[in-house]
């Protein structure tokens, strides 16, 4: 990848896309079915962005609390056009986590929508934010304030957008967006991504995957999820492809038929979401799809099988982290291996660090143009913690084969120390899945006075019990250390808004 291909800012890249692909090309659409072409997207961003300037300063992080609708793209580019920093907030994370995120990134103002808040039943969240003196800018109110003069000003600026934008003197190394870690293993951290980080990953994704100008993306992943932001929205918009934004990935009965109606060819999802679509889809719903790309959690064999047998489509599993903007590796139709998350995308350096007590697998560290500028923590508001020498410890235990394909064995933090031996919780989950393949399982560890820690299986399989685990382990030579001591039954495993299992809540279930 040539450095000059990503040494630009998000708004500059949008202007370049308009020049490259045509100002009248419909590039983004939502459930209202009123697509925006490049010209209208830029004009809307400049008009709306101007309304943000009355109550925010250049260089200030501004929270974005919106679902996947056209307005979220307009808001992000509108903030960027006027030198503000979009900070994407997870509206499903709860008041405590969102307050923590605002504290870490020093967010005093949030852009949201009254209609969305009412529909998503987030009134208590907004009330809590108001109590903490966080200002809410309502899109509905801002739209009413847009005058004829505002529209004329926006039109004038759109005609000379590059000249207008230059006055903010932004560089590719300035902050392009702030996202937040999922909180699946603790308090969310702010992840500062520069314009160059995001733009490099857009180019890495585009060069790694076999997209064409005719591709039409269907993105149900929220943009507070970096997978949804960079792969699902920024890549199609900035690389000249159509993007359909859908507000919730959980609408399993609606999404399959809608994919057919809007003629989407590329779908992004997690294992949980893709499994849900496969269960509810009818014949022909996925006839326009040619690429299904999964990430964010381990792809279960039953999900992969459902898509292969039901729709003749292979799920191409990828791998990423918010800290990497997010894509690190991905399988493609011409270059894939089942069970792996693909080879590294371009310009990623990696090193493998041994883990004491583990014979197979090493801890993965990565470096590259897409690796974050640094963390922000609530304990040290606004203080950037850059990765040491540009290297980021992903916290994942992996193997990398001779062809460069990565296999994820588990999280470094998700290992239990039982009688002095490390046991992979992900491996125990995989073991449980061989016994009850049609159900969801999560394994955690709790304190044990004799052995240090003991394993607890939390499952939605009503028939699961430890007797079956012991019997199966004996039949297949599974070590006794990998047999959970307790089995906790629950109707539904707790999930985060990103589609990942909420391991904090799993541990609470295990302890209770």
Protein backbone atom coordinates (compact mmCIF):
# COMPACT_ATOMS: atom_id res chain seq x y z
CA UNK A 1 0.00 0.00 0.00
CA UNK A 2 1.43 3.37 -0.97
CA UNK A 3 1.52 5.74 1.97
CA UNK A 4 -0.13 8.56 0.05
CA UNK A 5 -3.26 6.44 -0.47
CA UNK A 6 -4.19 6.76 3.18
CA UNK A 7 -2.39 9.93 4.25
CA UNK A 8 -5.58 11.95 4.13
CA UNK A 9 -8.49 12.86 6.38
CA UNK A 10 -12.00 11.41 6.32
CA UNK A 11 -13.65 14.50 4.86
CA UNK A 12 -10.92 14.92 2.24
CA UNK A 13 -11.42 11.27 1.30
CA UNK A 14 -15.16 11.89 0.90
CA UNK A 15 -14.45 14.78 -1.47
CA UNK A 16 -12.01 12.61 -3.43
CA UNK A 17 -14.62 9.83 -3.66
CA UNK A 18 -17.13 12.31 -5.11
CA UNK A 19 -14.60 13.36 -7.77
CA UNK A 20 -13.62 9.75 -8.52
CA UNK A 21 -17.02 8.05 -8.64
CA UNK A 22 -19.36 10.87 -9.63
CA UNK A 23 -21.29 13.32 -7.51
CA UNK A 24 -24.65 11.80 -8.49
CA UNK A 25 -23.77 8.25 -7.46
CA UNK A 26 -26.23 7.04 -4.75
CA UNK A 27 -23.85 5.95 -2.01
CA UNK A 28 -25.81 5.57 1.23
CA UNK A 29 -29.36 4.50 2.07
CA UNK A 30 -31.40 3.48 5.11
CA UNK A 31 -34.85 2.10 5.96
CA UNK A 32 -36.49 5.31 4.74
CA UNK A 33 -35.30 4.36 1.22
CA UNK A 34 -34.15 7.90 0.42
CA UNK A 35 -30.60 7.36 -0.82
CA UNK A 36 -28.01 10.13 -0.64
CA UNK A 37 -25.55 10.62 -3.47
CA UNK A 38 -22.09 12.08 -2.84
CA UNK A 39 -23.24 15.62 -3.61
CA UNK A 40 -26.18 15.50 -1.18
CA UNK A 41 -24.14 13.73 1.52
CA UNK A 42 -21.46 16.43 1.41
CA UNK A 43 -24.04 19.24 1.32
CA UNK A 44 -25.98 17.75 4.26
CA UNK A 45 -22.74 17.29 6.23
CA UNK A 46 -21.74 20.91 5.70
CA UNK A 47 -25.18 22.27 6.64
CA UNK A 48 -25.67 20.09 9.72
CA UNK A 49 -22.02 20.33 10.75
CA UNK A 50 -22.33 24.11 10.84
CA UNK A 51 -25.10 23.80 13.45
CA UNK A 52 -22.72 21.87 15.72
CA UNK A 53 -20.25 24.75 15.79
CA UNK A 54 -22.44 26.96 17.99
CA UNK A 55 -21.99 24.74 21.04
CA UNK A 56 -18.71 22.90 20.35
CA UNK A 57 -15.11 23.86 19.63
CA UNK A 58 -12.72 22.74 16.91
CA UNK A 59 -10.80 19.68 18.13
CA UNK A 60 -13.48 18.79 20.69
CA UNK A 61 -14.77 15.21 20.97
CA UNK A 62 -18.54 15.14 20.40
CA UNK A 63 -20.55 12.06 21.34
CA UNK A 64 -22.68 10.40 18.67
CA UNK A 65 -25.61 8.38 20.03
CA UNK A 66 -27.43 7.28 16.87
CA UNK A 67 -28.44 4.04 15.14
CA UNK A 68 -27.59 3.05 11.57
CA UNK A 69 -29.48 5.68 9.60
CA UNK A 70 -28.36 8.17 6.96
CA UNK A 71 -28.17 10.82 9.68
CA UNK A 72 -25.33 9.00 11.44
CA UNK A 73 -23.15 9.26 8.32
CA UNK A 74 -24.14 12.92 7.86
CA UNK A 75 -23.33 13.60 11.53
CA UNK A 76 -19.92 11.89 11.45
CA UNK A 77 -18.83 13.66 8.26
CA UNK A 78 -20.43 16.89 9.47
CA UNK A 79 -18.40 16.86 12.67
CA UNK A 80 -15.27 15.94 10.73
CA UNK A 81 -15.82 18.72 8.16
CA UNK A 82 -15.69 21.34 10.92
CA UNK A 83 -12.74 19.90 12.82
CA UNK A 84 -14.76 18.19 15.55
CA UNK A 85 -14.08 14.60 16.60
CA UNK A 86 -16.94 12.07 16.39
CA UNK A 87 -16.93 9.84 19.48
CA UNK A 88 -19.18 6.83 18.80
CA UNK A 89 -21.09 5.80 21.91
CA UNK A 90 -22.58 2.37 22.50
CA UNK A 91 -26.22 3.13 23.31
CA UNK A 92 -26.73 -0.45 24.55
CA UNK A 93 -23.92 -0.22 27.12
CA UNK A 94 -25.94 1.36 29.94
CA UNK A 95 -25.57 4.64 31.78
CA UNK A 96 -22.54 3.65 33.88
CA UNK A 97 -20.45 2.61 30.86
CA UNK A 98 -21.51 5.62 28.79
CA UNK A 99 -20.69 8.00 31.66
CA UNK A 100 -17.31 6.29 31.94
CA UNK A 101 -16.74 6.73 28.19
CA UNK A 102 -17.68 10.43 28.36
CA UNK A 103 -15.32 10.92 31.29
CA UNK A 104 -12.42 9.18 29.54
CA UNK A 105 -12.78 11.16 26.30
CA UNK A 106 -13.93 14.41 27.99
CA UNK A 107 -17.21 14.44 26.09
CA UNK A 108 -19.51 17.28 27.16
CA UNK A 109 -21.92 17.23 24.20
CA UNK A 110 -23.79 14.37 22.54
CA UNK A 111 -25.72 14.35 19.25
CA UNK A 112 -28.82 12.16 19.31
CA UNK A 113 -32.40 11.87 18.04
CA UNK A 114 -35.62 12.16 20.04
CA UNK A 115 -37.32 9.64 17.75
CA UNK A 116 -34.52 7.13 18.28
CA UNK A 117 -34.42 7.62 22.06
CA UNK A 118 -38.17 7.07 22.30
CA UNK A 119 -38.14 3.99 20.07
CA UNK A 120 -35.13 2.45 21.84
CA UNK A 121 -36.57 3.35 25.28
CA UNK A 122 -33.45 5.27 26.31
CA UNK A 123 -35.21 8.03 28.29
CA UNK A 124 -33.59 6.94 31.58
CA UNK A 125 -30.17 7.05 29.92
CA UNK A 126 -30.75 10.61 28.67
CA UNK A 127 -32.04 11.67 32.09
CA UNK A 128 -28.90 10.24 33.69
CA UNK A 129 -26.64 12.05 31.22
CA UNK A 130 -28.49 15.33 31.83
CA UNK A 131 -27.88 14.94 35.57
CA UNK A 132 -24.17 14.78 34.80
CA UNK A 133 -24.34 18.08 32.88
CA UNK A 134 -23.86 16.50 29.45
CA UNK A 135 -25.53 18.58 26.76
CA UNK A 136 -27.73 16.76 24.23
CA UNK A 137 -28.04 18.19 20.72
CA UNK A 138 -31.24 16.82 19.20
CA UNK A 139 -31.18 16.35 15.43
CA UNK A 140 -34.89 17.19 15.20
CA UNK A 141 -34.28 20.57 16.90
CA UNK A 142 -31.24 21.34 14.77
CA UNK A 143 -33.16 20.61 11.57
CA UNK A 144 -35.88 23.08 12.58
CA UNK A 145 -33.21 25.73 13.11
CA UNK A 146 -31.78 25.35 9.58
CA UNK A 147 -32.69 28.53 7.70
CA UNK A 148 -32.65 29.40 4.03
CA UNK A 149 -29.39 31.26 4.68
CA UNK A 150 -27.90 28.13 6.28
CA UNK A 151 -28.77 26.18 3.14
CA UNK A 152 -27.24 28.82 0.89
CA UNK A 153 -24.10 28.90 3.03
CA UNK A 154 -23.85 25.11 2.88
CA UNK A 155 -24.32 25.13 -0.88
CA UNK A 156 -21.60 27.78 -1.27
CA UNK A 157 -19.21 25.80 0.92
CA UNK A 158 -19.94 22.57 -0.93
CA UNK A 159 -18.94 24.21 -4.22
CA UNK A 160 -15.52 25.09 -2.78
CA UNK A 161 -15.35 22.42 -0.08
CA UNK A 162 -11.61 21.74 -0.25
CA UNK A 163 -10.78 25.42 0.12
CA UNK A 164 -13.23 25.80 3.03
CA UNK A 165 -11.97 22.67 4.78
CA UNK A 166 -8.31 23.79 4.62
CA UNK A 167 -8.91 26.48 7.22
CA UNK A 168 -9.22 23.83 9.95
CA UNK A 169 -5.66 22.69 9.15
CA UNK A 170 -6.30 19.06 10.03
CA UNK A 171 -3.65 16.47 9.28
CA UNK A 172 -3.97 12.70 8.77
CA UNK A 173 -2.38 12.18 12.19
CA UNK A 174 -5.09 14.16 13.98
CA UNK A 175 -7.85 12.22 15.70
CA UNK A 176 -10.45 11.01 13.21
CA UNK A 177 -12.76 9.23 15.63
CA UNK A 178 -12.94 7.86 19.15
CA UNK A 179 -14.51 4.47 19.79
CA UNK A 180 -14.71 2.40 22.93
CA UNK A 181 -13.77 -1.17 23.75
CA UNK A 182 -16.70 -3.51 24.26
CA UNK A 183 -16.36 -3.77 28.02
CA UNK A 184 -16.71 -7.55 27.74
CA UNK A 185 -13.78 -7.94 30.16
CA UNK A 186 -13.96 -4.74 32.19
CA UNK A 187 -14.51 -0.98 31.97
CA UNK A 188 -14.62 0.32 28.37
CA UNK A 189 -11.53 2.24 27.27
CA UNK A 190 -11.54 5.04 24.74
CA UNK A 191 -9.68 4.08 21.56
CA UNK A 192 -8.29 7.07 19.67
CA UNK A 193 -8.07 6.43 15.94
CA UNK A 194 -6.39 8.97 13.69
CA UNK A 195 -7.66 9.79 10.22
CA UNK A 196 -4.65 7.86 8.88
CA UNK A 197 -5.53 4.82 11.04
CA UNK A 198 -9.06 4.68 9.64
CA UNK A 199 -8.09 5.46 6.05
CA UNK A 200 -5.28 2.89 6.06
CA UNK A 201 -7.73 0.22 7.22
CA UNK A 202 -10.24 1.21 4.54
CA UNK A 203 -7.53 0.58 1.94
CA UNK A 204 -6.35 -2.60 3.68
CA UNK A 205 -9.91 -3.97 3.65
CA UNK A 206 -10.47 -3.00 0.02
CA UNK A 207 -7.20 -4.49 -1.21
CA UNK A 208 -7.65 -7.71 0.80
CA UNK A 209 -11.25 -8.47 -0.16
CA UNK A 210 -12.55 -9.04 -3.64
CA UNK A 211 -15.00 -6.13 -3.79
CA UNK A 212 -16.14 -4.61 -7.08
CA UNK A 213 -17.67 -1.20 -7.92
CA UNK A 214 -21.02 -2.99 -8.36
CA UNK A 215 -21.08 -4.32 -4.80
CA UNK A 216 -23.87 -3.22 -2.50
CA UNK A 217 -23.14 -3.49 1.22
CA UNK A 218 -25.76 -4.38 3.81
CA UNK A 219 -24.54 -3.19 7.21
CA UNK A 220 -26.65 -4.00 10.29
CA UNK A 221 -23.66 -3.59 12.65
CA UNK A 222 -23.89 -0.33 14.63
CA UNK A 223 -21.20 2.24 13.91
CA UNK A 224 -20.16 2.31 17.58
CA UNK A 225 -18.77 -1.14 16.67
CA UNK A 226 -15.55 -0.48 14.72
CA UNK A 227 -16.40 -3.37 12.35
CA UNK A 228 -19.65 -1.57 11.52
CA UNK A 229 -17.96 1.83 11.18
CA UNK A 230 -14.89 1.07 9.07
CA UNK A 231 -15.78 -2.08 7.15
CA UNK A 232 -19.54 -1.58 7.02
CA UNK A 233 -19.83 2.16 6.35
CA UNK A 234 -16.58 4.01 5.61
CA UNK A 235 -15.22 1.44 3.14
CA UNK A 236 -18.20 1.46 0.75
CA UNK A 237 -18.71 5.24 0.99
CA UNK A 238 -15.05 6.13 0.43
CA UNK A 239 -14.38 3.42 -2.16
CA UNK A 240 -17.37 4.06 -4.41
CA UNK A 241 -19.85 1.34 -3.42
CA UNK A 242 -23.46 1.46 -2.24
CA UNK A 243 -24.07 1.12 1.52
CA UNK A 244 -27.41 0.20 3.09
CA UNK A 245 -27.55 0.96 6.82
CA UNK A 246 -29.96 -1.01 8.98
CA UNK A 247 -30.65 0.19 12.56
CA UNK A 248 -30.53 -3.12 14.47
CA UNK A 249 -28.80 -6.43 13.76
CA UNK A 250 -31.35 -8.21 15.97
CA UNK A 251 -34.28 -8.05 13.53
CA UNK A 252 -33.81 -11.63 12.39
CA UNK A 253 -37.17 -11.93 10.66
CA UNK A 254 -36.91 -8.65 8.74
CA UNK A 255 -33.31 -8.51 7.56
CA UNK A 256 -33.14 -11.58 5.25
CA UNK A 257 -36.01 -10.43 3.01
CA UNK A 258 -34.79 -6.82 3.08
CA UNK A 259 -31.37 -7.95 1.82
CA UNK A 260 -33.15 -9.35 -1.22
CA UNK A 261 -35.29 -6.22 -1.71
CA UNK A 262 -32.33 -3.82 -1.70
CA UNK A 263 -30.22 -6.24 -3.81
CA UNK A 264 -27.27 -6.35 -1.43
CA UNK A 265 -24.23 -8.39 -2.44
CA UNK A 266 -22.09 -8.06 0.73
CA UNK A 267 -23.26 -8.76 4.30
CA UNK A 268 -21.36 -8.21 7.54
CA UNK A 269 -22.24 -9.89 10.83
CA UNK A 270 -21.15 -11.74 13.93
CA UNK A 271 -21.74 -15.44 14.53
CA UNK A 272 -24.78 -14.66 16.69
CA UNK A 273 -26.40 -12.41 14.09
CA UNK A 274 -25.56 -14.55 11.06
CA UNK A 275 -26.94 -17.61 12.86
CA UNK A 276 -30.17 -15.74 13.52
CA UNK A 277 -30.57 -14.71 9.86
CA UNK A 278 -29.97 -18.27 8.67
CA UNK A 279 -32.69 -19.61 10.98
CA UNK A 280 -35.38 -17.22 9.75
CA UNK A 281 -34.50 -16.74 6.08
CA UNK A 282 -36.76 -18.08 3.38
CA UNK A 283 -35.75 -19.54 0.04
CA UNK A 284 -34.39 -16.84 -2.24
CA UNK A 285 -33.78 -14.24 0.49
CA UNK A 286 -30.02 -14.37 -0.03
CA UNK A 287 -29.99 -14.88 -3.79
CA UNK A 288 -28.22 -11.54 -4.40
CA UNK A 289 -25.47 -12.11 -1.81
CA UNK A 290 -22.02 -13.16 -2.95
CA UNK A 291 -19.90 -12.33 0.14
CA UNK A 292 -20.80 -12.97 3.78
CA UNK A 293 -18.10 -11.74 6.15
CA UNK A 294 -18.13 -12.61 9.85
CA UNK A 295 -16.08 -11.32 12.73
CA UNK A 296 -16.04 -10.09 16.35
CA UNK A 297 -16.65 -13.59 17.80
CA UNK A 298 -15.69 -17.15 16.97
CA UNK A 299 -17.70 -18.57 14.05
CA UNK A 300 -19.48 -21.73 15.16
CA UNK A 301 -19.51 -24.73 12.86
CA UNK A 302 -23.30 -24.91 13.00
CA UNK A 303 -23.56 -21.33 11.70
CA UNK A 304 -21.12 -22.01 8.89
CA UNK A 305 -22.99 -25.21 8.00
CA UNK A 306 -26.38 -23.46 8.00
CA UNK A 307 -25.18 -20.95 5.39
CA UNK A 308 -23.42 -23.56 3.26
CA UNK A 309 -26.25 -26.08 3.19
CA UNK A 310 -29.14 -23.63 3.21
CA UNK A 311 -27.89 -20.91 0.86
CA UNK A 312 -24.70 -22.22 -0.79
CA UNK A 313 -22.70 -19.40 0.76
CA UNK A 314 -19.42 -19.66 2.68
CA UNK A 315 -18.94 -17.35 5.64
CA UNK A 316 -15.55 -15.67 5.28
CA UNK A 317 -14.25 -15.24 8.79
CA UNK A 318 -12.08 -12.26 9.65
CA UNK A 319 -10.29 -10.92 12.69
CA UNK A 320 -9.92 -7.50 14.15
CA UNK A 321 -9.84 -5.26 17.18
CA UNK A 322 -11.05 -1.72 17.79
CA UNK A 323 -7.40 -0.80 18.42
CA UNK A 324 -6.59 -1.84 14.82
CA UNK A 325 -9.37 0.23 13.22
CA UNK A 326 -10.37 -2.81 13.24
CA UNK A 327 -9.42 -5.34 10.52
CA UNK A 328 -6.21 -7.34 11.01
CA UNK A 329 -6.90 -10.43 8.91
CA UNK A 330 -9.62 -11.82 6.67
CA UNK A 331 -10.37 -14.86 4.52
CA UNK A 332 -11.40 -14.24 0.91
CA UNK A 333 -13.12 -16.47 -1.68
CA UNK A 334 -9.79 -17.13 -3.42
CA UNK A 335 -7.63 -17.35 -0.31
CA UNK A 336 -9.27 -18.99 2.68
CA UNK A 337 -8.98 -21.81 5.19
CA UNK A 338 -11.90 -22.88 7.34
CA UNK A 339 -11.20 -22.67 11.04
CA UNK A 340 -8.84 -19.74 10.58
CA UNK A 341 -9.51 -16.00 10.50
CA UNK A 342 -7.44 -15.58 7.34
CA UNK A 343 -4.03 -14.10 6.62
CA UNK A 344 -2.88 -10.64 7.75
CA UNK A 345 -3.95 -7.67 5.65
CA UNK A 346 -1.23 -5.56 4.02
CA UNK A 347 1.34 -3.63 6.04
CA UNK A 348 0.75 -5.48 9.31
CA UNK A 349 3.85 -6.52 11.20
CA UNK A 350 3.42 -9.13 13.90
CA UNK A 351 5.34 -10.92 16.59
CA UNK A 352 4.44 -13.92 18.72
CA UNK A 353 5.27 -13.90 22.42
CA UNK A 354 5.38 -17.24 24.32
CA UNK A 355 2.92 -17.73 27.16
CA UNK A 356 4.30 -19.51 30.26
CA UNK A 357 2.50 -22.81 30.77
CA UNK A 358 1.21 -23.10 27.19
CA UNK A 359 2.79 -25.58 24.76
CA UNK A 360 0.67 -24.51 21.78
CA UNK A 361 -0.06 -20.90 20.85
CA UNK A 362 1.53 -17.54 21.49
CA UNK A 363 0.31 -14.06 22.37
CA UNK A 364 -0.12 -11.91 19.25
CA UNK A 365 1.31 -8.39 19.01
CA UNK A 366 0.77 -6.22 15.92
CA UNK A 367 2.10 -3.00 14.43
CA UNK A 368 0.99 -1.06 11.36
CA UNK A 369 -0.57 2.13 9.96
CA UNK A 370 -4.01 1.12 11.26
CA UNK A 371 -2.94 0.66 14.90
CA UNK A 372 -4.52 3.22 17.22
CA UNK A 373 -2.96 6.43 18.45
CA UNK A 374 -3.68 5.25 21.98
CA UNK A 375 -6.11 4.64 24.84
CA UNK A 376 -8.11 7.05 26.96
CA UNK A 377 -9.14 5.91 30.44
CA UNK A 378 -11.77 7.25 32.82
CA UNK A 379 -9.14 7.32 35.60
CA UNK A 380 -7.03 9.75 33.53
CA UNK A 381 -9.51 11.80 31.45
CA UNK A 382 -8.13 13.07 28.16
CA UNK A 383 -4.65 11.60 28.72
CA UNK A 384 -3.54 9.61 25.67
CA UNK A 385 -1.68 6.35 26.32
CA UNK A 386 0.03 5.43 23.02
CA UNK A 387 1.06 1.82 22.31
CA UNK A 388 4.71 1.27 23.19
CA UNK A 389 6.88 1.68 20.08
CA UNK A 390 3.67 1.32 18.02
CA UNK A 391 3.12 -2.31 19.06
CA UNK A 392 -0.27 -3.40 20.38
CA UNK A 393 -0.77 -6.54 22.46
CA UNK A 394 -4.04 -7.99 21.21
CA UNK A 395 -4.38 -10.31 24.19
CA UNK A 396 -5.20 -13.25 21.93
CA UNK A 397 -3.47 -16.64 21.93
CA UNK A 398 -2.96 -17.70 18.30
CA UNK A 399 -1.02 -19.88 15.92
CA UNK A 400 0.14 -18.69 12.49
CA UNK A 401 0.75 -21.40 9.89
CA UNK A 402 3.35 -21.45 7.10
CA UNK A 403 0.90 -19.72 4.72
CA UNK A 404 0.29 -16.90 7.18
CA UNK A 405 -3.22 -17.97 8.24
CA UNK A 406 -4.14 -17.18 11.84
CA UNK A 407 -6.00 -19.53 14.16
CA UNK A 408 -7.39 -18.02 17.36
CA UNK A 409 -7.05 -20.33 20.36
CA UNK A 410 -8.48 -17.98 22.96
CA UNK A 411 -8.00 -14.80 24.94
CA UNK A 412 -4.90 -14.54 27.09
CA UNK A 413 -7.17 -13.25 29.86
CA UNK A 414 -9.55 -16.12 29.24
CA UNK A 415 -7.34 -18.81 30.69
CA UNK A 416 -7.89 -20.38 34.07
CA UNK A 417 -5.08 -21.53 36.34
CA UNK A 418 -6.16 -24.88 37.73
CA UNK A 419 -3.69 -26.65 39.99
CA UNK A 420 -0.88 -24.70 38.32
CA UNK A 421 -1.94 -25.55 34.74
CA UNK A 422 -3.38 -23.05 32.23
CA UNK A 423 -6.70 -24.10 30.69
CA UNK A 424 -8.18 -22.21 27.72
CA UNK A 425 -11.77 -21.20 28.44
CA UNK A 426 -12.40 -20.93 24.68
CA UNK A 427 -11.25 -24.55 24.26
CA UNK A 428 -13.69 -25.66 26.96
CA UNK A 429 -16.47 -23.76 25.17
CA UNK A 430 -15.58 -25.58 21.96
CA UNK A 431 -15.68 -28.88 23.86
CA UNK A 432 -19.21 -28.09 25.15
CA UNK A 433 -20.28 -27.18 21.61
CA UNK A 434 -19.36 -30.67 20.38
CA UNK A 435 -21.90 -32.14 22.82
CA UNK A 436 -24.66 -29.56 22.35
CA UNK A 437 -23.91 -28.00 18.92
CA UNK A 438 -27.24 -26.22 18.55
CA UNK A 439 -26.86 -24.15 21.70
CA UNK A 440 -24.76 -21.25 22.96
CA UNK A 441 -22.17 -21.76 25.69
CA UNK A 442 -19.84 -19.59 27.73
CA UNK A 443 -17.21 -20.71 30.21
CA UNK A 444 -15.78 -18.65 33.03
CA UNK A 445 -13.67 -19.36 36.09
CA UNK A 446 -14.37 -18.69 39.74
CA UNK A 447 -12.15 -18.93 42.80
CA UNK A 448 -11.48 -22.37 44.24
CA UNK A 449 -9.75 -22.66 47.64
CA UNK A 450 -8.09 -25.99 46.76
CA UNK A 451 -7.16 -25.65 43.07
CA UNK A 452 -6.92 -21.90 42.62
CA UNK A 453 -9.79 -21.71 40.12
CA UNK A 454 -12.63 -23.89 38.90
CA UNK A 455 -14.54 -23.80 35.60
CA UNK A 456 -18.24 -22.99 35.28
CA UNK A 457 -20.22 -23.60 32.08
CA UNK A 458 -23.13 -21.23 31.42
CA UNK A 459 -25.40 -22.56 28.69
CA UNK A 460 -28.83 -22.07 27.12
CA UNK A 461 -29.21 -25.85 26.69
CA UNK A 462 -31.94 -26.88 29.16
CA UNK A 463 -30.78 -30.53 29.08
CA UNK A 464 -27.11 -29.85 29.79
CA UNK A 465 -25.57 -31.42 32.86
CA UNK A 466 -22.08 -32.28 34.09
CA UNK A 467 -22.65 -36.03 33.68
CA UNK A 468 -22.70 -35.66 29.92
CA UNK A 469 -19.52 -33.57 30.02
CA UNK A 470 -17.69 -36.23 32.03
CA UNK A 471 -18.90 -39.07 29.78
CA UNK A 472 -17.95 -37.27 26.57
CA UNK A 473 -14.55 -36.29 27.95
CA UNK A 474 -13.74 -39.93 28.78
CA UNK A 475 -14.85 -41.10 25.32
CA UNK A 476 -12.68 -38.54 23.53
CA UNK A 477 -9.68 -38.36 25.80
CA UNK A 478 -10.40 -34.84 27.07
CA UNK A 479 -8.31 -33.92 30.11
CA UNK A 480 -10.17 -33.80 33.42
CA UNK A 481 -8.95 -30.22 33.94
CA UNK A 482 -11.14 -29.17 30.98
CA UNK A 483 -14.38 -30.46 32.51
CA UNK A 484 -16.38 -27.65 34.17
CA UNK A 485 -17.17 -28.31 37.82
CA UNK A 486 -20.54 -26.62 37.58
CA UNK A 487 -23.18 -26.09 34.87
CA UNK A 488 -25.46 -23.04 35.05
CA UNK A 489 -28.59 -23.00 32.88
CA UNK A 490 -30.03 -19.79 31.45
CA UNK A 491 -32.65 -19.09 28.79
CA UNK A 492 -30.45 -16.63 26.89
CA UNK A 493 -26.75 -15.88 27.30
CA UNK A 494 -26.16 -12.20 28.13
CA UNK A 495 -24.85 -10.34 25.08
CA UNK A 496 -23.32 -6.94 24.42
CA UNK A 497 -24.67 -4.63 21.71
CA UNK A 498 -21.71 -5.61 19.54
CA UNK A 499 -22.92 -9.21 19.39
CA UNK A 500 -20.23 -10.49 21.73
CA UNK A 501 -20.93 -12.50 24.86
CA UNK A 502 -20.95 -10.32 27.97
CA UNK A 503 -18.40 -12.20 30.10
CA UNK A 504 -18.78 -9.82 33.03
CA UNK A 505 -22.45 -10.86 33.24
CA UNK A 506 -21.49 -14.53 32.65
CA UNK A 507 -19.15 -14.43 35.64
CA UNK A 508 -21.91 -12.89 37.77
CA UNK A 509 -24.23 -15.72 36.74
CA UNK A 510 -21.55 -18.29 37.59
CA UNK A 511 -20.88 -16.78 40.99
CA UNK A 512 -24.56 -16.53 41.85
